[in-house]
Amino acid sequence: MKNLKSLIVVGILAAAGIATASQADMAKKLQTIYSKLDALSLKKDMAGLTKLLNQVSTPDCIFVSKTQKMTRDQTMQQMAVVMPKIDTVTTSTSHVDGVKMVGGSLVASVHQTVAMTTKPTKETGPAHKIVQKTSSEDTWVKSGGTWKLKISKIVTETIIQDGKEIKM
């Protein structure tokens, strides 16, 4: 009886180790995707961002912030309007802090920092330096044999313009 309990404990620990290793592998795979998105953002490559996002997300993917919920297409349209107003993107870094399985989906905890300078315009006046820091929970689902982004939900967000925090 003692050996049976020992075998059960060893089996549970082995399964936990496999799950942890699998989650670490998935975190690395997802990190590669986020790093590609960061590289395209630094270049302000809207065509590349659109192509990659279409490849790695579901058609019904949504992006949820504290104030709005947008589809993938709406998000890309908004980025297409904002991108010409940006002079340079100086920083775009995303870090996958962890991945956990939740009911057949992967939920990744992601921290992102984007820093940019805007172009001076009649509407906004002189150029501005903006730093946006977000933490999100991104849900990935299995689709056609690959993992695709289904929901990106911002959990925390800080936006600093010219050294002052903008309250949302």
N, C-alpha and C. Protein backbone atom coordinates (compact mmCIF):
# COMPACT_ATOMS: atom_id res chain seq x y z
N MET A 1 0.83 -1.19 0.00
CA MET A 1 0.00 0.00 0.00
C MET A 1 0.88 1.26 0.00
N LYS A 2 1.95 1.23 0.78
CA LYS A 2 2.85 2.37 0.85
C LYS A 2 3.48 2.63 -0.53
N ASN A 3 3.87 1.54 -1.25
CA ASN A 3 4.46 1.70 -2.57
C ASN A 3 3.46 2.28 -3.57
N LEU A 4 2.20 1.90 -3.45
CA LEU A 4 1.17 2.42 -4.34
C LEU A 4 1.01 3.92 -4.15
N LYS A 5 1.00 4.36 -2.89
CA LYS A 5 0.91 5.79 -2.60
C LYS A 5 2.12 6.52 -3.15
N SER A 6 3.29 5.92 -2.98
CA SER A 6 4.52 6.53 -3.50
C SER A 6 4.46 6.66 -5.01
N LEU A 7 3.97 5.61 -5.68
CA LEU A 7 3.86 5.65 -7.13
C LEU A 7 2.87 6.72 -7.58
N ILE A 8 1.77 6.86 -6.85
CA ILE A 8 0.78 7.88 -7.19
C ILE A 8 1.39 9.28 -7.03
N VAL A 9 2.10 9.49 -5.93
CA VAL A 9 2.74 10.79 -5.68
C VAL A 9 3.77 11.08 -6.78
N VAL A 10 4.60 10.09 -7.13
CA VAL A 10 5.59 10.27 -8.18
C VAL A 10 4.90 10.59 -9.51
N GLY A 11 3.81 9.88 -9.80
CA GLY A 11 3.06 10.13 -11.03
C GLY A 11 2.49 11.53 -11.08
N ILE A 12 1.95 12.00 -9.98
CA ILE A 12 1.40 13.36 -9.92
C ILE A 12 2.50 14.39 -10.10
N LEU A 13 3.64 14.18 -9.43
CA LEU A 13 4.76 15.11 -9.56
C LEU A 13 5.31 15.12 -10.99
N ALA A 14 5.38 13.95 -11.62
CA ALA A 14 5.86 13.87 -13.00
C ALA A 14 4.90 14.60 -13.94
N ALA A 15 3.59 14.41 -13.74
CA ALA A 15 2.60 15.09 -14.58
C ALA A 15 2.70 16.61 -14.39
N ALA A 16 2.88 17.03 -13.15
CA ALA A 16 3.03 18.47 -12.88
C ALA A 16 4.29 19.00 -13.56
N GLY A 17 5.35 18.24 -13.53
CA GLY A 17 6.60 18.66 -14.19
C GLY A 17 6.43 18.77 -15.69
N ILE A 18 5.71 17.83 -16.30
CA ILE A 18 5.45 17.88 -17.74
C ILE A 18 4.60 19.10 -18.08
N ALA A 19 3.58 19.34 -17.27
CA ALA A 19 2.71 20.50 -17.52
C ALA A 19 3.50 21.80 -17.41
N THR A 20 4.38 21.89 -16.41
CA THR A 20 5.20 23.08 -16.22
C THR A 20 6.14 23.27 -17.40
N ALA A 21 6.77 22.19 -17.86
CA ALA A 21 7.67 22.27 -19.00
C ALA A 21 6.91 22.68 -20.25
N SER A 22 5.71 22.13 -20.43
CA SER A 22 4.89 22.45 -21.59
C SER A 22 4.48 23.93 -21.56
N GLN A 23 4.13 24.43 -20.40
CA GLN A 23 3.76 25.84 -20.26
C GLN A 23 4.97 26.74 -20.54
N ALA A 24 6.15 26.33 -20.10
CA ALA A 24 7.36 27.10 -20.37
C ALA A 24 7.65 27.12 -21.86
N ASP A 25 7.46 25.98 -22.54
CA ASP A 25 7.65 25.91 -24.00
C ASP A 25 6.66 26.83 -24.70
N MET A 26 5.41 26.83 -24.26
CA MET A 26 4.40 27.69 -24.87
C MET A 26 4.72 29.16 -24.63
N ALA A 27 5.21 29.47 -23.44
CA ALA A 27 5.59 30.86 -23.15
C ALA A 27 6.67 31.31 -24.13
N LYS A 28 7.62 30.44 -24.42
CA LYS A 28 8.69 30.78 -25.38
C LYS A 28 8.13 30.97 -26.78
N LYS A 29 7.21 30.09 -27.18
CA LYS A 29 6.61 30.21 -28.51
C LYS A 29 5.80 31.50 -28.64
N LEU A 30 5.03 31.81 -27.60
CA LEU A 30 4.26 33.05 -27.64
C LEU A 30 5.18 34.26 -27.60
N GLN A 31 6.26 34.17 -26.83
CA GLN A 31 7.21 35.29 -26.75
C GLN A 31 7.76 35.61 -28.14
N THR A 32 7.99 34.59 -28.94
CA THR A 32 8.48 34.80 -30.31
C THR A 32 7.48 35.63 -31.12
N ILE A 33 6.20 35.34 -30.97
CA ILE A 33 5.17 36.10 -31.69
C ILE A 33 5.15 37.55 -31.21
N TYR A 34 5.16 37.75 -29.89
CA TYR A 34 5.12 39.11 -29.35
C TYR A 34 6.38 39.89 -29.78
N SER A 35 7.52 39.22 -29.83
CA SER A 35 8.76 39.88 -30.26
C SER A 35 8.67 40.32 -31.72
N LYS A 36 8.04 39.51 -32.56
CA LYS A 36 7.85 39.89 -33.97
C LYS A 36 6.94 41.10 -34.07
N LEU A 37 5.87 41.12 -33.27
CA LEU A 37 4.97 42.27 -33.26
C LEU A 37 5.72 43.52 -32.79
N ASP A 38 6.58 43.38 -31.78
CA ASP A 38 7.39 44.50 -31.30
C ASP A 38 8.30 45.04 -32.41
N ALA A 39 8.97 44.13 -33.13
CA ALA A 39 9.89 44.55 -34.19
C ALA A 39 9.14 45.32 -35.29
N LEU A 40 7.95 44.86 -35.64
CA LEU A 40 7.15 45.55 -36.65
C LEU A 40 6.68 46.91 -36.13
N SER A 41 6.34 46.98 -34.86
CA SER A 41 5.92 48.26 -34.26
C SER A 41 7.06 49.27 -34.30
N LEU A 42 8.26 48.83 -33.99
CA LEU A 42 9.42 49.73 -34.02
C LEU A 42 9.63 50.32 -35.41
N LYS A 43 9.31 49.55 -36.43
CA LYS A 43 9.44 50.01 -37.82
C LYS A 43 8.21 50.79 -38.29
N LYS A 44 7.15 50.80 -37.49
CA LYS A 44 5.87 51.39 -37.87
C LYS A 44 5.35 50.73 -39.14
N ASP A 45 5.54 49.43 -39.24
CA ASP A 45 5.17 48.65 -40.42
C ASP A 45 3.73 48.17 -40.29
N MET A 46 2.78 48.99 -40.72
CA MET A 46 1.36 48.65 -40.60
C MET A 46 1.00 47.43 -41.43
N ALA A 47 1.56 47.33 -42.63
CA ALA A 47 1.25 46.17 -43.48
C ALA A 47 1.73 44.89 -42.81
N GLY A 48 2.93 44.93 -42.25
CA GLY A 48 3.47 43.76 -41.56
C GLY A 48 2.68 43.42 -40.30
N LEU A 49 2.31 44.45 -39.53
CA LEU A 49 1.52 44.23 -38.32
C LEU A 49 0.17 43.60 -38.66
N THR A 50 -0.47 44.13 -39.69
CA THR A 50 -1.77 43.61 -40.10
C THR A 50 -1.65 42.16 -40.55
N LYS A 51 -0.66 41.88 -41.37
CA LYS A 51 -0.46 40.52 -41.87
C LYS A 51 -0.20 39.54 -40.72
N LEU A 52 0.72 39.90 -39.82
CA LEU A 52 1.05 39.00 -38.71
C LEU A 52 -0.13 38.83 -37.77
N LEU A 53 -0.81 39.92 -37.44
CA LEU A 53 -1.95 39.82 -36.53
C LEU A 53 -3.05 38.95 -37.14
N ASN A 54 -3.26 39.07 -38.44
CA ASN A 54 -4.26 38.22 -39.11
C ASN A 54 -3.84 36.75 -39.06
N GLN A 55 -2.54 36.48 -39.10
CA GLN A 55 -2.05 35.11 -39.06
C GLN A 55 -2.16 34.49 -37.67
N VAL A 56 -1.93 35.29 -36.64
CA VAL A 56 -1.81 34.73 -35.28
C VAL A 56 -3.06 34.91 -34.43
N SER A 57 -4.13 35.47 -35.01
CA SER A 57 -5.34 35.67 -34.22
C SER A 57 -6.55 35.08 -34.94
N THR A 58 -7.59 34.83 -34.17
CA THR A 58 -8.84 34.34 -34.74
C THR A 58 -9.57 35.50 -35.42
N PRO A 59 -10.40 35.22 -36.41
CA PRO A 59 -11.14 36.31 -37.07
C PRO A 59 -12.02 37.10 -36.11
N ASP A 60 -12.50 36.45 -35.04
CA ASP A 60 -13.36 37.14 -34.08
C ASP A 60 -12.59 37.61 -32.84
N CYS A 61 -11.29 37.74 -32.97
CA CYS A 61 -10.44 38.21 -31.86
C CYS A 61 -10.91 39.59 -31.40
N ILE A 62 -10.88 39.79 -30.08
CA ILE A 62 -11.25 41.10 -29.53
C ILE A 62 -10.15 41.62 -28.62
N PHE A 63 -10.09 42.94 -28.54
CA PHE A 63 -9.15 43.64 -27.68
C PHE A 63 -9.96 44.47 -26.70
N VAL A 64 -9.75 44.22 -25.41
CA VAL A 64 -10.55 44.84 -24.37
C VAL A 64 -9.66 45.72 -23.50
N SER A 65 -10.03 47.00 -23.41
CA SER A 65 -9.33 47.92 -22.50
C SER A 65 -10.31 48.31 -21.40
N LYS A 66 -9.89 49.19 -20.55
CA LYS A 66 -10.78 49.64 -19.46
C LYS A 66 -11.99 50.41 -20.02
N THR A 67 -11.81 51.04 -21.20
CA THR A 67 -12.87 51.91 -21.70
C THR A 67 -13.58 51.40 -22.95
N GLN A 68 -13.01 50.40 -23.63
CA GLN A 68 -13.66 49.94 -24.86
C GLN A 68 -13.31 48.50 -25.20
N LYS A 69 -14.12 47.96 -26.09
CA LYS A 69 -13.91 46.61 -26.61
C LYS A 69 -13.96 46.72 -28.12
N MET A 70 -12.88 46.24 -28.79
CA MET A 70 -12.82 46.37 -30.23
C MET A 70 -12.46 45.05 -30.89
N THR A 71 -12.95 44.86 -32.09
CA THR A 71 -12.59 43.69 -32.87
C THR A 71 -11.15 43.87 -33.38
N ARG A 72 -10.62 42.80 -33.94
CA ARG A 72 -9.28 42.86 -34.54
C ARG A 72 -9.26 43.92 -35.64
N ASP A 73 -10.27 43.92 -36.51
CA ASP A 73 -10.30 44.87 -37.62
C ASP A 73 -10.42 46.31 -37.13
N GLN A 74 -11.25 46.54 -36.11
CA GLN A 74 -11.38 47.88 -35.54
C GLN A 74 -10.06 48.34 -34.93
N THR A 75 -9.38 47.42 -34.27
CA THR A 75 -8.08 47.74 -33.66
C THR A 75 -7.08 48.14 -34.73
N MET A 76 -7.04 47.39 -35.82
CA MET A 76 -6.10 47.69 -36.90
C MET A 76 -6.47 49.01 -37.58
N GLN A 77 -7.75 49.30 -37.72
CA GLN A 77 -8.18 50.58 -38.31
C GLN A 77 -7.75 51.74 -37.43
N GLN A 78 -7.89 51.56 -36.11
CA GLN A 78 -7.48 52.61 -35.18
C GLN A 78 -5.96 52.82 -35.26
N MET A 79 -5.21 51.72 -35.34
CA MET A 79 -3.76 51.83 -35.45
C MET A 79 -3.36 52.54 -36.75
N ALA A 80 -4.10 52.26 -37.84
CA ALA A 80 -3.81 52.90 -39.12
C ALA A 80 -4.04 54.41 -39.07
N VAL A 81 -4.97 54.86 -38.24
CA VAL A 81 -5.22 56.29 -38.06
C VAL A 81 -4.14 56.93 -37.18
N VAL A 82 -3.73 56.21 -36.14
CA VAL A 82 -2.77 56.75 -35.18
C VAL A 82 -1.33 56.72 -35.71
N MET A 83 -0.96 55.67 -36.42
CA MET A 83 0.42 55.47 -36.84
C MET A 83 1.02 56.66 -37.60
N PRO A 84 0.31 57.29 -38.53
CA PRO A 84 0.91 58.45 -39.23
C PRO A 84 1.19 59.64 -38.32
N LYS A 85 0.56 59.68 -37.16
CA LYS A 85 0.78 60.77 -36.21
C LYS A 85 2.01 60.53 -35.34
N ILE A 86 2.58 59.33 -35.44
CA ILE A 86 3.76 58.98 -34.64
C ILE A 86 5.00 59.25 -35.47
N ASP A 87 5.93 59.99 -34.88
CA ASP A 87 7.20 60.26 -35.56
C ASP A 87 8.10 59.04 -35.45
N THR A 88 8.37 58.59 -34.22
CA THR A 88 9.21 57.41 -34.02
C THR A 88 8.68 56.58 -32.85
N VAL A 89 8.83 55.28 -32.99
CA VAL A 89 8.59 54.37 -31.88
C VAL A 89 9.98 53.99 -31.37
N THR A 90 10.31 54.44 -30.17
CA THR A 90 11.66 54.23 -29.65
C THR A 90 11.78 52.94 -28.86
N THR A 91 10.67 52.47 -28.31
CA THR A 91 10.66 51.23 -27.53
C THR A 91 9.36 50.49 -27.80
N SER A 92 9.49 49.20 -28.00
CA SER A 92 8.31 48.33 -28.04
C SER A 92 8.78 46.97 -27.55
N THR A 93 8.49 46.70 -26.29
CA THR A 93 8.92 45.44 -25.70
C THR A 93 7.74 44.76 -25.03
N SER A 94 7.64 43.48 -25.28
CA SER A 94 6.60 42.66 -24.65
C SER A 94 7.29 41.50 -23.97
N HIS A 95 6.79 41.15 -22.80
CA HIS A 95 7.36 40.03 -22.06
C HIS A 95 6.24 39.13 -21.57
N VAL A 96 6.33 37.86 -21.94
CA VAL A 96 5.37 36.87 -21.46
C VAL A 96 5.85 36.42 -20.08
N ASP A 97 5.11 36.80 -19.05
CA ASP A 97 5.51 36.46 -17.68
C ASP A 97 5.12 35.05 -17.29
N GLY A 98 4.10 34.52 -17.93
CA GLY A 98 3.66 33.17 -17.60
C GLY A 98 2.49 32.76 -18.46
N VAL A 99 2.30 31.44 -18.54
CA VAL A 99 1.20 30.88 -19.31
C VAL A 99 0.55 29.80 -18.45
N LYS A 100 -0.79 29.80 -18.44
CA LYS A 100 -1.50 28.75 -17.72
C LYS A 100 -2.64 28.23 -18.58
N MET A 101 -2.96 26.96 -18.41
CA MET A 101 -4.09 26.37 -19.12
C MET A 101 -5.36 26.66 -18.33
N VAL A 102 -6.36 27.15 -19.03
CA VAL A 102 -7.65 27.42 -18.41
C VAL A 102 -8.72 26.86 -19.35
N GLY A 103 -9.26 25.70 -18.99
CA GLY A 103 -10.33 25.09 -19.77
C GLY A 103 -10.01 24.88 -21.23
N GLY A 104 -8.83 24.44 -21.55
CA GLY A 104 -8.46 24.17 -22.94
C GLY A 104 -7.86 25.36 -23.67
N SER A 105 -7.85 26.52 -23.04
CA SER A 105 -7.23 27.71 -23.62
C SER A 105 -5.95 28.01 -22.87
N LEU A 106 -5.06 28.73 -23.53
CA LEU A 106 -3.86 29.23 -22.86
C LEU A 106 -4.11 30.67 -22.49
N VAL A 107 -3.80 31.04 -21.26
CA VAL A 107 -3.90 32.43 -20.84
C VAL A 107 -2.49 32.90 -20.50
N ALA A 108 -2.02 33.88 -21.27
CA ALA A 108 -0.67 34.41 -21.09
C ALA A 108 -0.75 35.74 -20.36
N SER A 109 0.10 35.90 -19.36
CA SER A 109 0.26 37.19 -18.68
C SER A 109 1.38 37.93 -19.40
N VAL A 110 1.04 39.09 -19.96
CA VAL A 110 1.98 39.81 -20.80
C VAL A 110 2.15 41.24 -20.30
N HIS A 111 3.41 41.68 -20.20
CA HIS A 111 3.71 43.08 -19.88
C HIS A 111 4.31 43.72 -21.12
N GLN A 112 3.83 44.90 -21.45
CA GLN A 112 4.31 45.59 -22.64
C GLN A 112 4.63 47.03 -22.32
N THR A 113 5.71 47.51 -22.91
CA THR A 113 6.07 48.92 -22.82
C THR A 113 6.30 49.44 -24.23
N VAL A 114 5.63 50.56 -24.54
CA VAL A 114 5.81 51.21 -25.83
C VAL A 114 6.12 52.68 -25.54
N ALA A 115 7.21 53.16 -26.14
CA ALA A 115 7.57 54.57 -26.02
C ALA A 115 7.66 55.15 -27.43
N MET A 116 7.14 56.37 -27.59
CA MET A 116 7.11 56.99 -28.91
C MET A 116 7.16 58.50 -28.80
N THR A 117 7.47 59.11 -29.91
CA THR A 117 7.33 60.56 -30.03
C THR A 117 6.33 60.81 -31.14
N THR A 118 5.49 61.81 -30.94
CA THR A 118 4.49 62.15 -31.94
C THR A 118 5.01 63.27 -32.83
N LYS A 119 4.36 63.42 -33.95
CA LYS A 119 4.66 64.54 -34.84
C LYS A 119 3.88 65.75 -34.34
N PRO A 120 4.43 66.93 -34.50
CA PRO A 120 3.63 68.11 -34.14
C PRO A 120 2.47 68.26 -35.14
N THR A 121 1.29 68.59 -34.60
CA THR A 121 0.12 68.78 -35.46
C THR A 121 -0.67 70.00 -35.01
N LYS A 122 -1.57 70.44 -35.86
CA LYS A 122 -2.43 71.56 -35.50
C LYS A 122 -3.34 71.18 -34.33
N GLU A 123 -3.81 69.91 -34.32
CA GLU A 123 -4.75 69.47 -33.27
C GLU A 123 -4.08 69.31 -31.91
N THR A 124 -2.89 68.71 -31.90
CA THR A 124 -2.25 68.38 -30.61
C THR A 124 -1.09 69.30 -30.26
N GLY A 125 -0.74 70.19 -31.17
CA GLY A 125 0.35 71.12 -30.88
C GLY A 125 1.71 70.49 -31.11
N PRO A 126 2.67 70.83 -30.24
CA PRO A 126 4.04 70.35 -30.44
C PRO A 126 4.14 68.83 -30.27
N ALA A 127 5.29 68.30 -30.66
CA ALA A 127 5.55 66.87 -30.50
C ALA A 127 5.47 66.49 -29.02
N HIS A 128 5.06 65.25 -28.77
CA HIS A 128 4.96 64.74 -27.40
C HIS A 128 5.72 63.43 -27.29
N LYS A 129 6.21 63.18 -26.08
CA LYS A 129 6.82 61.88 -25.77
C LYS A 129 5.79 61.11 -24.94
N ILE A 130 5.47 59.92 -25.42
CA ILE A 130 4.44 59.11 -24.76
C ILE A 130 5.03 57.74 -24.42
N VAL A 131 4.78 57.31 -23.19
CA VAL A 131 5.17 55.97 -22.75
C VAL A 131 3.92 55.28 -22.24
N GLN A 132 3.64 54.12 -22.81
CA GLN A 132 2.46 53.34 -22.40
C GLN A 132 2.95 52.01 -21.85
N LYS A 133 2.53 51.70 -20.65
CA LYS A 133 2.85 50.42 -20.03
C LYS A 133 1.55 49.69 -19.74
N THR A 134 1.47 48.45 -20.22
CA THR A 134 0.26 47.67 -19.99
C THR A 134 0.60 46.27 -19.49
N SER A 135 -0.33 45.73 -18.74
CA SER A 135 -0.31 44.32 -18.39
C SER A 135 -1.62 43.76 -18.93
N SER A 136 -1.51 42.63 -19.63
CA SER A 136 -2.72 42.05 -20.20
C SER A 136 -2.77 40.56 -19.93
N GLU A 137 -3.97 40.05 -20.02
CA GLU A 137 -4.20 38.61 -20.01
C GLU A 137 -4.69 38.28 -21.41
N ASP A 138 -3.87 37.53 -22.13
CA ASP A 138 -4.18 37.19 -23.50
C ASP A 138 -4.58 35.73 -23.60
N THR A 139 -5.76 35.49 -24.13
CA THR A 139 -6.28 34.13 -24.24
C THR A 139 -6.03 33.61 -25.66
N TRP A 140 -5.36 32.45 -25.72
CA TRP A 140 -5.03 31.79 -26.97
C TRP A 140 -5.81 30.48 -27.05
N VAL A 141 -6.39 30.22 -28.22
CA VAL A 141 -7.18 29.00 -28.42
C VAL A 141 -6.58 28.19 -29.56
N LYS A 142 -6.79 26.90 -29.50
CA LYS A 142 -6.31 26.00 -30.56
C LYS A 142 -7.24 26.16 -31.76
N SER A 143 -6.66 26.44 -32.93
CA SER A 143 -7.45 26.62 -34.15
C SER A 143 -6.64 26.09 -35.33
N GLY A 144 -7.16 25.06 -35.97
CA GLY A 144 -6.47 24.50 -37.12
C GLY A 144 -5.09 23.97 -36.80
N GLY A 145 -4.91 23.46 -35.61
CA GLY A 145 -3.63 22.88 -35.22
C GLY A 145 -2.62 23.86 -34.66
N THR A 146 -2.96 25.15 -34.63
CA THR A 146 -2.05 26.14 -34.05
C THR A 146 -2.80 26.97 -33.01
N TRP A 147 -2.04 27.64 -32.18
CA TRP A 147 -2.62 28.52 -31.16
C TRP A 147 -2.82 29.89 -31.77
N LYS A 148 -4.02 30.45 -31.55
CA LYS A 148 -4.34 31.77 -32.08
C LYS A 148 -4.91 32.65 -30.96
N LEU A 149 -4.57 33.93 -31.03
CA LEU A 149 -5.06 34.90 -30.06
C LEU A 149 -6.56 35.09 -30.24
N LYS A 150 -7.30 34.96 -29.15
CA LYS A 150 -8.76 35.11 -29.17
C LYS A 150 -9.18 36.40 -28.45
N ILE A 151 -8.56 36.65 -27.30
CA ILE A 151 -8.91 37.83 -26.49
C ILE A 151 -7.64 38.40 -25.88
N SER A 152 -7.49 39.71 -26.01
CA SER A 152 -6.43 40.41 -25.29
C SER A 152 -7.11 41.42 -24.38
N LYS A 153 -6.98 41.20 -23.07
CA LYS A 153 -7.68 42.05 -22.10
C LYS A 153 -6.65 42.78 -21.24
N ILE A 154 -6.67 44.10 -21.32
CA ILE A 154 -5.75 44.91 -20.51
C ILE A 154 -6.23 44.87 -19.06
N VAL A 155 -5.30 44.51 -18.19
CA VAL A 155 -5.59 44.44 -16.76
C VAL A 155 -5.18 45.74 -16.09
N THR A 156 -3.99 46.25 -16.44
CA THR A 156 -3.53 47.54 -15.93
C THR A 156 -2.89 48.31 -17.08
N GLU A 157 -3.00 49.64 -16.99
CA GLU A 157 -2.44 50.48 -18.04
C GLU A 157 -2.02 51.82 -17.45
N THR A 158 -0.84 52.26 -17.83
CA THR A 158 -0.35 53.58 -17.44
C THR A 158 0.15 54.27 -18.70
N ILE A 159 -0.32 55.49 -18.92
CA ILE A 159 0.14 56.28 -20.05
C ILE A 159 0.74 57.57 -19.51
N ILE A 160 1.97 57.82 -19.92
CA ILE A 160 2.67 59.04 -19.49
C ILE A 160 2.98 59.87 -20.74
N GLN A 161 2.52 61.12 -20.70
CA GLN A 161 2.79 62.03 -21.82
C GLN A 161 3.63 63.18 -21.29
N ASP A 162 4.78 63.34 -21.89
CA ASP A 162 5.71 64.42 -21.51
C ASP A 162 5.98 64.43 -20.00
N GLY A 163 6.12 63.25 -19.43
CA GLY A 163 6.48 63.11 -18.02
C GLY A 163 5.30 63.14 -17.06
N LYS A 164 4.09 63.33 -17.56
CA LYS A 164 2.92 63.41 -16.68
C LYS A 164 1.95 62.28 -17.03
N GLU A 165 1.44 61.62 -15.98
CA GLU A 165 0.51 60.52 -16.20
C GLU A 165 -0.83 61.05 -16.69
N ILE A 166 -1.36 60.38 -17.69
CA ILE A 166 -2.68 60.71 -18.20
C ILE A 166 -3.67 59.78 -17.51
N LYS A 167 -4.65 60.34 -16.85
CA LYS A 167 -5.68 59.55 -16.16
C LYS A 167 -6.72 59.12 -17.16
N MET A 168 -7.02 57.83 -17.15
CA MET A 168 -8.00 57.29 -18.09
C MET A 168 -9.33 57.11 -17.37
